[in-house]
PDB file of N, CA and C in Angstrom:
ATOM      1  N   MET A   1       3.958 -33.971  56.753  1.00  0.00           N
ATOM      2  CA  MET A   1       4.012 -32.361  57.854  1.00  0.00           C
ATOM      3  C   MET A   1       5.001 -31.249  56.880  1.00  0.00           C
ATOM      4  N   ILE A   2       6.300 -31.987  56.449  1.00  0.00           N
ATOM      5  CA  ILE A   2       7.005 -30.892  55.847  1.00  0.00           C
ATOM      6  C   ILE A   2       6.398 -30.469  54.750  1.00  0.00           C
ATOM      7  N   LEU A   3       5.541 -31.123  54.095  1.00  0.00           N
ATOM      8  CA  LEU A   3       4.598 -31.260  52.480  1.00  0.00           C
ATOM      9  C   LEU A   3       3.804 -30.180  53.247  1.00  0.00           C
ATOM     10  N   SER A   4       2.874 -30.424  54.149  1.00  0.00           N
ATOM     11  CA  SER A   4       1.696 -29.361  54.571  1.00  0.00           C
ATOM     12  C   SER A   4       2.521 -28.008  55.003  1.00  0.00           C
ATOM     13  N   ILE A   5       3.666 -28.228  55.309  1.00  0.00           N
ATOM     14  CA  ILE A   5       4.084 -26.473  55.391  1.00  0.00           C
ATOM     15  C   ILE A   5       4.676 -25.910  54.156  1.00  0.00           C
ATOM     16  N   ILE A   6       4.885 -26.623  52.987  1.00  0.00           N
ATOM     17  CA  ILE A   6       5.961 -26.376  51.917  1.00  0.00           C
ATOM     18  C   ILE A   6       4.073 -25.681  50.939  1.00  0.00           C
ATOM     19  N   ILE A   7       3.015 -26.250  51.612  1.00  0.00           N
ATOM     20  CA  ILE A   7       1.790 -25.758  50.225  1.00  0.00           C
ATOM     21  C   ILE A   7       1.326 -24.976  51.124  1.00  0.00           C
ATOM     22  N   THR A   8       1.401 -24.553  52.712  1.00  0.00           N
ATOM     23  CA  THR A   8       1.178 -22.970  53.321  1.00  0.00           C
ATOM     24  C   THR A   8       1.658 -22.015  52.521  1.00  0.00           C
ATOM     25  N   ILE A   9       3.152 -22.114  52.462  1.00  0.00           N
ATOM     26  CA  ILE A   9       4.102 -21.012  52.183  1.00  0.00           C
ATOM     27  C   ILE A   9       4.001 -20.749  51.017  1.00  0.00           C
ATOM     28  N   LEU A  10       3.519 -21.697  49.863  1.00  0.00           N
ATOM     29  CA  LEU A  10       3.350 -21.704  48.397  1.00  0.00           C
ATOM     30  C   LEU A  10       1.422 -20.804  48.294  1.00  0.00           C
ATOM     31  N   VAL A  11       0.511 -21.155  48.650  1.00  0.00           N
ATOM     32  CA  VAL A  11      -0.831 -21.036  48.666  1.00  0.00           C
ATOM     33  C   VAL A  11      -0.299 -19.336  49.569  1.00  0.00           C
ATOM     34  N   GLY A  12       0.307 -19.409  51.101  1.00  0.00           N
ATOM     35  CA  GLY A  12      -0.021 -17.919  51.640  1.00  0.00           C
ATOM     36  C   GLY A  12       1.097 -17.070  50.825  1.00  0.00           C
ATOM     37  N   ALA A  13       2.178 -17.189  49.492  1.00  0.00           N
ATOM     38  CA  ALA A  13       2.504 -16.804  48.814  1.00  0.00           C
ATOM     39  C   ALA A  13       1.389 -16.378  47.507  1.00  0.00           C
ATOM     40  N   LEU A  14       1.121 -17.317  47.118  1.00  0.00           N
ATOM     41  CA  LEU A  14       0.014 -16.346  45.666  1.00  0.00           C
ATOM     42  C   LEU A  14      -1.236 -15.868  46.423  1.00  0.00           C
ATOM     43  N   ILE A  15      -1.810 -15.908  47.916  1.00  0.00           N
ATOM     44  CA  ILE A  15      -2.376 -15.315  48.261  1.00  0.00           C
ATOM     45  C   ILE A  15      -2.033 -13.613  48.308  1.00  0.00           C
ATOM     46  N   GLY A  16      -0.501 -13.933  48.898  1.00  0.00           N
ATOM     47  CA  GLY A  16       0.093 -12.342  49.626  1.00  0.00           C
ATOM     48  C   GLY A  16       0.448 -11.881  48.149  1.00  0.00           C
ATOM     49  N   TRP A  17       0.390 -12.550  47.402  1.00  0.00           N
ATOM     50  CA  TRP A  17       0.500 -11.617  45.135  1.00  0.00           C
ATOM     51  C   TRP A  17      -0.644 -11.562  44.938  1.00  0.00           C
ATOM     52  N   LEU A  18      -1.345 -12.355  45.185  1.00  0.00           N
ATOM     53  CA  LEU A  18      -2.824 -11.214  44.897  1.00  0.00           C
ATOM     54  C   LEU A  18      -3.487 -10.276  45.561  1.00  0.00           C
ATOM     55  N   ALA A  19      -3.339 -10.494  46.790  1.00  0.00           N
ATOM     56  CA  ALA A  19      -3.734  -9.261  47.393  1.00  0.00           C
ATOM     57  C   ALA A  19      -2.064  -7.785  47.173  1.00  0.00           C
ATOM     58  N   GLY A  20      -1.119  -8.261  47.300  1.00  0.00           N
ATOM     59  CA  GLY A  20      -0.417  -6.909  46.619  1.00  0.00           C
ATOM     60  C   GLY A  20      -1.049  -6.368  45.504  1.00  0.00           C
ATOM     61  N   ILE A  21      -1.618  -7.307  44.292  1.00  0.00           N
ATOM     62  CA  ILE A  21      -1.549  -6.459  43.649  1.00  0.00           C
ATOM     63  C   ILE A  21      -3.180  -6.027  43.500  1.00  0.00           C
ATOM     64  N   LEU A  22      -4.005  -6.775  44.260  1.00  0.00           N
ATOM     65  CA  LEU A  22      -5.512  -5.428  44.367  1.00  0.00           C
ATOM     66  C   LEU A  22      -5.148  -4.104  45.149  1.00  0.00           C
ATOM     67  N   MET A  23      -4.107  -4.816  46.551  1.00  0.00           N
ATOM     68  CA  MET A  23      -3.806  -3.244  47.193  1.00  0.00           C
ATOM     69  C   MET A  23      -2.863  -2.162  46.458  1.00  0.00           C
ATOM     70  N   LYS A  24      -2.251  -2.809  45.371  1.00  0.00           N
ATOM     71  CA  LYS A  24      -1.256  -1.748  44.535  1.00  0.00           C
ATOM     72  C   LYS A  24       0.419  -2.063  45.614  1.00  0.00           C
ATOM     73  N   SER A  25       0.470  -2.933  46.280  1.00  0.00           N
ATOM     74  CA  SER A  25       1.368  -2.896  47.195  1.00  0.00           C
ATOM     75  C   SER A  25       2.926  -3.564  46.534  1.00  0.00           C
ATOM     76  N   ARG A  26       4.002  -2.879  47.108  1.00  0.00           N
ATOM     77  CA  ARG A  26       5.359  -3.739  46.645  1.00  0.00           C
ATOM     78  C   ARG A  26       6.057  -4.534  47.481  1.00  0.00           C
ATOM     79  N   HIS A  27       6.428  -5.296  47.702  1.00  0.00           N
ATOM     80  CA  HIS A  27       7.226  -6.121  48.195  1.00  0.00           C
ATOM     81  C   HIS A  27       7.382  -7.566  47.787  1.00  0.00           C
ATOM     82  N   GLY A  28       8.220  -8.145  48.444  1.00  0.00           N
ATOM     83  CA  GLY A  28       9.144  -8.988  48.019  1.00  0.00           C
ATOM     84  C   GLY A  28       8.207 -10.317  47.892  1.00  0.00           C
ATOM     85  N   PHE A  29       9.058 -11.519  47.730  1.00  0.00           N
ATOM     86  CA  PHE A  29       8.536 -12.743  47.451  1.00  0.00           C
ATOM     87  C   PHE A  29       8.139 -13.237  49.065  1.00  0.00           C
ATOM     88  N   TRP A  30       8.999 -12.773  49.820  1.00  0.00           N
ATOM     89  CA  TRP A  30       9.231 -13.545  51.485  1.00  0.00           C
ATOM     90  C   TRP A  30       8.055 -12.346  52.421  1.00  0.00           C
ATOM     91  N   MET A  31       8.067 -11.431  52.204  1.00  0.00           N
ATOM     92  CA  MET A  31       6.830 -10.275  52.703  1.00  0.00           C
ATOM     93  C   MET A  31       5.357 -10.796  52.036  1.00  0.00           C
ATOM     94  N   SER A  32       5.553 -11.382  51.139  1.00  0.00           N
ATOM     95  CA  SER A  32       3.936 -12.026  49.889  1.00  0.00           C
ATOM     96  C   SER A  32       3.878 -13.124  51.206  1.00  0.00           C
ATOM     97  N   CYS A  33       5.047 -14.147  50.574  1.00  0.00           N
ATOM     98  CA  CYS A  33       4.605 -15.341  52.063  1.00  0.00           C
ATOM     99  C   CYS A  33       3.989 -15.075  53.758  1.00  0.00           C
ATOM    100  N   LEU A  34       4.531 -14.364  54.231  1.00  0.00           N
ATOM    101  CA  LEU A  34       4.374 -13.859  55.326  1.00  0.00           C
ATOM    102  C   LEU A  34       3.338 -12.935  55.530  1.00  0.00           C
ATOM    103  N   LEU A  35       2.515 -12.372  54.601  1.00  0.00           N
ATOM    104  CA  LEU A  35       1.161 -11.544  54.545  1.00  0.00           C
ATOM    105  C   LEU A  35       0.134 -12.510  54.163  1.00  0.00           C
ATOM    106  N   GLY A  36       0.722 -13.090  53.359  1.00  0.00           N
ATOM    107  CA  GLY A  36      -0.223 -13.999  52.934  1.00  0.00           C
ATOM    108  C   GLY A  36      -0.689 -15.021  53.808  1.00  0.00           C
ATOM    109  N   ILE A  37       0.162 -15.743  54.478  1.00  0.00           N
ATOM    110  CA  ILE A  37      -0.360 -16.599  55.811  1.00  0.00           C
ATOM    111  C   ILE A  37      -1.067 -15.641  57.062  1.00  0.00           C
ATOM    112  N   VAL A  38      -0.281 -14.746  57.605  1.00  0.00           N
ATOM    113  CA  VAL A  38      -0.834 -14.312  58.459  1.00  0.00           C
ATOM    114  C   VAL A  38      -1.873 -13.489  58.288  1.00  0.00           C
ATOM    115  N   GLY A  39      -2.511 -13.244  57.018  1.00  0.00           N
ATOM    116  CA  GLY A  39      -3.582 -12.260  56.478  1.00  0.00           C
ATOM    117  C   GLY A  39      -4.646 -13.779  56.322  1.00  0.00           C
ATOM    118  N   SER A  40      -4.669 -14.620  55.774  1.00  0.00           N
ATOM    119  CA  SER A  40      -5.233 -15.854  55.782  1.00  0.00           C
ATOM    120  C   SER A  40      -6.092 -15.930  57.366  1.00  0.00           C
ATOM    121  N   PHE A  41      -5.038 -16.331  58.350  1.00  0.00           N
ATOM    122  CA  PHE A  41      -5.425 -16.493  59.466  1.00  0.00           C
ATOM    123  C   PHE A  41      -6.263 -15.171  59.579  1.00  0.00           C
ATOM    124  N   LEU A  42      -6.173 -14.333  59.675  1.00  0.00           N
ATOM    125  CA  LEU A  42      -6.793 -13.277  59.912  1.00  0.00           C
ATOM    126  C   LEU A  42      -8.272 -12.809  59.452  1.00  0.00           C
ATOM    127  N   GLY A  43      -8.024 -13.409  57.936  1.00  0.00           N
ATOM    128  CA  GLY A  43      -9.430 -13.484  57.321  1.00  0.00           C
ATOM    129  C   GLY A  43     -10.442 -14.549  57.488  1.00  0.00           C
ATOM    130  N   TRP A  44      -9.908 -15.671  57.730  1.00  0.00           N
ATOM    131  CA  TRP A  44     -10.260 -16.971  58.662  1.00  0.00           C
ATOM    132  C   TRP A  44     -10.734 -16.679  59.707  1.00  0.00           C
ATOM    133  N   GLY A  45     -10.355 -15.770  60.355  1.00  0.00           N
ATOM    134  CA  GLY A  45     -10.719 -15.762  61.981  1.00  0.00           C
ATOM    135  C   GLY A  45     -11.586 -14.714  61.810  1.00  0.00           C
ATOM    136  N   ILE A  46     -11.656 -13.923  61.214  1.00  0.00           N
ATOM    137  CA  ILE A  46     -12.771 -13.025  61.128  1.00  0.00           C
ATOM    138  C   ILE A  46     -14.255 -13.367  60.646  1.00  0.00           C
ATOM    139  N   ALA A  47     -14.023 -14.161  59.691  1.00  0.00           N
ATOM    140  CA  ALA A  47     -15.286 -15.182  59.429  1.00  0.00           C
ATOM    141  C   ALA A  47     -15.736 -15.859  59.710  1.00  0.00           C
ATOM    142  N   ASN A  48     -14.875 -16.529  60.336  1.00  0.00           N
ATOM    143  CA  ASN A  48     -15.309 -17.692  61.949  1.00  0.00           C
ATOM    144  C   ASN A  48     -16.410 -16.735  62.606  1.00  0.00           C
ATOM    145  N   PHE A  49     -15.592 -15.870  63.397  1.00  0.00           N
ATOM    146  CA  PHE A  49     -16.471 -15.167  64.033  1.00  0.00           C
ATOM    147  C   PHE A  49     -17.673 -14.154  63.827  1.00  0.00           C
ATOM    148  N   ILE A  50     -18.196 -14.255  62.626  1.00  0.00           N
ATOM    149  CA  ILE A  50     -19.243 -13.639  61.979  1.00  0.00           C
ATOM    150  C   ILE A  50     -20.218 -14.991  61.261  1.00  0.00           C
ATOM    151  N   GLY A  51     -19.592 -15.763  61.373  1.00  0.00           N
ATOM    152  CA  GLY A  51     -20.641 -16.657  60.816  1.00  0.00           C
ATOM    153  C   GLY A  51     -20.487 -17.032  59.555  1.00  0.00           C
ATOM    154  N   LEU A  52     -19.490 -16.833  58.912  1.00  0.00           N
ATOM    155  CA  LEU A  52     -19.360 -16.919  57.436  1.00  0.00           C
ATOM    156  C   LEU A  52     -18.539 -18.116  56.868  1.00  0.00           C
ATOM    157  N   TYR A  53     -19.473 -18.711  56.383  1.00  0.00           N
ATOM    158  CA  TYR A  53     -18.804 -20.662  55.836  1.00  0.00           C
ATOM    159  C   TYR A  53     -19.391 -20.568  53.880  1.00  0.00           C
ATOM    160  N   GLY A  54     -18.337 -21.697  53.673  1.00  0.00           N
ATOM    161  CA  GLY A  54     -18.867 -22.069  52.080  1.00  0.00           C
ATOM    162  C   GLY A  54     -17.427 -22.356  51.675  1.00  0.00           C
ATOM    163  N   GLY A  55     -17.813 -22.543  50.193  1.00  0.00           N
ATOM    164  CA  GLY A  55     -16.037 -23.969  50.013  1.00  0.00           C
ATOM    165  C   GLY A  55     -15.334 -23.198  49.450  1.00  0.00           C
ATOM    166  N   TRP A  56     -14.075 -24.460  48.857  1.00  0.00           N
ATOM    167  CA  TRP A  56     -13.073 -23.497  48.712  1.00  0.00           C
ATOM    168  C   TRP A  56     -12.566 -21.967  48.110  1.00  0.00           C
ATOM    169  N   VAL A  57     -13.425 -21.381  47.019  1.00  0.00           N
ATOM    170  CA  VAL A  57     -14.096 -20.222  46.205  1.00  0.00           C
ATOM    171  C   VAL A  57     -13.996 -19.023  47.626  1.00  0.00           C
ATOM    172  N   VAL A  58     -15.187 -19.652  48.550  1.00  0.00           N
ATOM    173  CA  VAL A  58     -16.011 -18.901  49.689  1.00  0.00           C
ATOM    174  C   VAL A  58     -14.328 -18.519  50.256  1.00  0.00           C
ATOM    175  N   ASP A  59     -13.559 -19.264  50.526  1.00  0.00           N
ATOM    176  CA  ASP A  59     -12.702 -19.414  51.641  1.00  0.00           C
ATOM    177  C   ASP A  59     -11.245 -18.942  51.151  1.00  0.00           C
ATOM    178  N   VAL A  60     -10.919 -18.744  50.153  1.00  0.00           N
ATOM    179  CA  VAL A  60      -9.691 -18.396  48.944  1.00  0.00           C
ATOM    180  C   VAL A  60     -10.033 -16.890  49.288  1.00  0.00           C
ATOM    181  N   LEU A  61     -11.603 -16.294  49.194  1.00  0.00           N
ATOM    182  CA  LEU A  61     -11.475 -14.729  48.824  1.00  0.00           C
ATOM    183  C   LEU A  61     -11.478 -14.222  50.078  1.00  0.00           C
ATOM    184  N   ILE A  62     -12.100 -15.277  51.470  1.00  0.00           N
ATOM    185  CA  ILE A  62     -12.035 -14.568  52.263  1.00  0.00           C
ATOM    186  C   ILE A  62     -10.638 -14.449  53.329  1.00  0.00           C
ATOM    187  N   ARG A  63      -9.511 -15.125  52.739  1.00  0.00           N
ATOM    188  CA  ARG A  63      -8.356 -15.122  52.835  1.00  0.00           C
ATOM    189  C   ARG A  63      -7.400 -14.447  51.971  1.00  0.00           C
ATOM    190  N   ILE A  64      -8.223 -13.715  50.887  1.00  0.00           N
ATOM    191  CA  ILE A  64      -7.604 -12.546  49.902  1.00  0.00           C
ATOM    192  C   ILE A  64      -7.871 -11.303  50.842  1.00  0.00           C
ATOM    193  N   VAL A  65      -9.230 -10.931  51.273  1.00  0.00           N
ATOM    194  CA  VAL A  65     -10.047  -9.880  51.882  1.00  0.00           C
ATOM    195  C   VAL A  65      -9.191  -9.702  53.137  1.00  0.00           C
ATOM    196  N   GLY A  66      -8.604 -11.329  53.888  1.00  0.00           N
ATOM    197  CA  GLY A  66      -7.811 -10.857  55.267  1.00  0.00           C
ATOM    198  C   GLY A  66      -6.314 -10.391  54.970  1.00  0.00           C
ATOM    199  N   THR A  67      -6.039 -10.889  53.998  1.00  0.00           N
ATOM    200  CA  THR A  67      -4.392  -9.794  53.448  1.00  0.00           C
ATOM    201  C   THR A  67      -4.268  -8.702  53.533  1.00  0.00           C
ATOM    202  N   CYS A  68      -5.777  -8.208  52.306  1.00  0.00           N
ATOM    203  CA  CYS A  68      -5.634  -6.972  52.319  1.00  0.00           C
ATOM    204  C   CYS A  68      -5.805  -6.034  53.368  1.00  0.00           C
ATOM    205  N   LEU A  69      -6.583  -7.034  54.349  1.00  0.00           N
ATOM    206  CA  LEU A  69      -6.687  -6.085  55.192  1.00  0.00           C
ATOM    207  C   LEU A  69      -5.379  -5.645  56.382  1.00  0.00           C
ATOM    208  N   LEU A  70      -5.039  -7.056  56.091  1.00  0.00           N
ATOM    209  CA  LEU A  70      -3.680  -6.641  56.805  1.00  0.00           C
ATOM    210  C   LEU A  70      -2.727  -5.694  56.370  1.00  0.00           C
ATOM    211  N   ILE A  71      -2.429  -5.759  54.803  1.00  0.00           N
ATOM    212  CA  ILE A  71      -1.943  -4.930  54.066  1.00  0.00           C
ATOM    213  C   ILE A  71      -1.950  -3.306  54.572  1.00  0.00           C
ATOM    214  N   ALA A  72      -3.702  -3.234  54.469  1.00  0.00           N
ATOM    215  CA  ALA A  72      -4.140  -1.718  55.063  1.00  0.00           C
ATOM    216  C   ALA A  72      -4.100  -1.625  56.454  1.00  0.00           C
ATOM    217  N   ILE A  73      -3.225  -2.151  57.456  1.00  0.00           N
ATOM    218  CA  ILE A  73      -3.258  -2.230  59.057  1.00  0.00           C
ATOM    219  C   ILE A  73      -1.874  -1.760  58.679  1.00  0.00           C
ATOM    220  N   VAL A  74      -0.960  -2.736  57.811  1.00  0.00           N
ATOM    221  CA  VAL A  74       0.818  -1.774  58.390  1.00  0.00           C
ATOM    222  C   VAL A  74       1.128  -1.024  57.770  1.00  0.00           C
ATOM    223  N   ARG A  75       0.241  -0.349  56.259  1.00  0.00           N
ATOM    224  CA  ARG A  75       0.279   0.896  56.076  1.00  0.00           C
ATOM    225  C   ARG A  75       0.151   1.750  56.775  1.00  0.00           C
ATOM    226  N   ALA A  76      -1.105   1.775  57.325  1.00  0.00           N
ATOM    227  CA  ALA A  76      -1.485   2.770  58.664  1.00  0.00           C
ATOM    228  C   ALA A  76      -0.152   3.126  59.521  1.00  0.00           C
ATOM    229  N   VAL A  77       0.095   1.736  59.823  1.00  0.00           N
ATOM    230  CA  VAL A  77       0.973   1.811  61.395  1.00  0.00           C
ATOM    231  C   VAL A  77       2.379   2.111  60.357  1.00  0.00           C
ATOM    232  N   LEU A  78       2.955   1.885  59.143  1.00  0.00           N
ATOM    233  CA  LEU A  78       4.081   1.966  58.984  1.00  0.00           C
ATOM    234  C   LEU A  78       3.867   3.826  58.225  1.00  0.00           C
ATOM    235  N   GLY A  79       3.212   4.249  58.130  1.00  0.00           N
ATOM    236  CA  GLY A  79       2.621   5.764  57.361  1.00  0.00           C
ATOM    237  C   GLY A  79       3.282   5.678  56.020  1.00  0.00           C
ATOM    238  N   LYS A  80       3.954   4.939  55.173  1.00  0.00           N
ATOM    239  CA  LYS A  80       4.193   4.907  53.787  1.00  0.00           C
ATOM    240  C   LYS A  80       3.124   4.014  52.948  1.00  0.00           C
ATOM    241  N   LYS A  81       3.696   4.161  52.115  1.00  0.00           N
ATOM    242  CA  LYS A  81       3.228   3.834  50.609  1.00  0.00           C
ATOM    243  C   LYS A  81       4.155   1.723  50.435  1.00  0.00           C
ATOM    244  N   PHE A  82       3.352   0.822  51.377  1.00  0.00           N
ATOM    245  CA  PHE A  82       3.917  -0.121  51.413  1.00  0.00           C
ATOM    246  C   PHE A  82       3.239  -1.434  50.054  1.00  0.00           C
TER     247      PHE A  82
END
């Protein structure tokens, strides 16, 4: 249980970091973790809704796109460079 939580945080941080680079976003480690985890679920949910499935590479790409989408939403709501 605790190991899966640690892995989720690390993968979320990695995905948040990659999405932050793609979106030219400036946020810290903990915000990367939060955005990566929430954005991963957002991307996964959208992909399941439209019926997009694949291997682990497709899964990682879907999660990065979901996190980029989440960063764009946060930027639109906050109205500043995030």
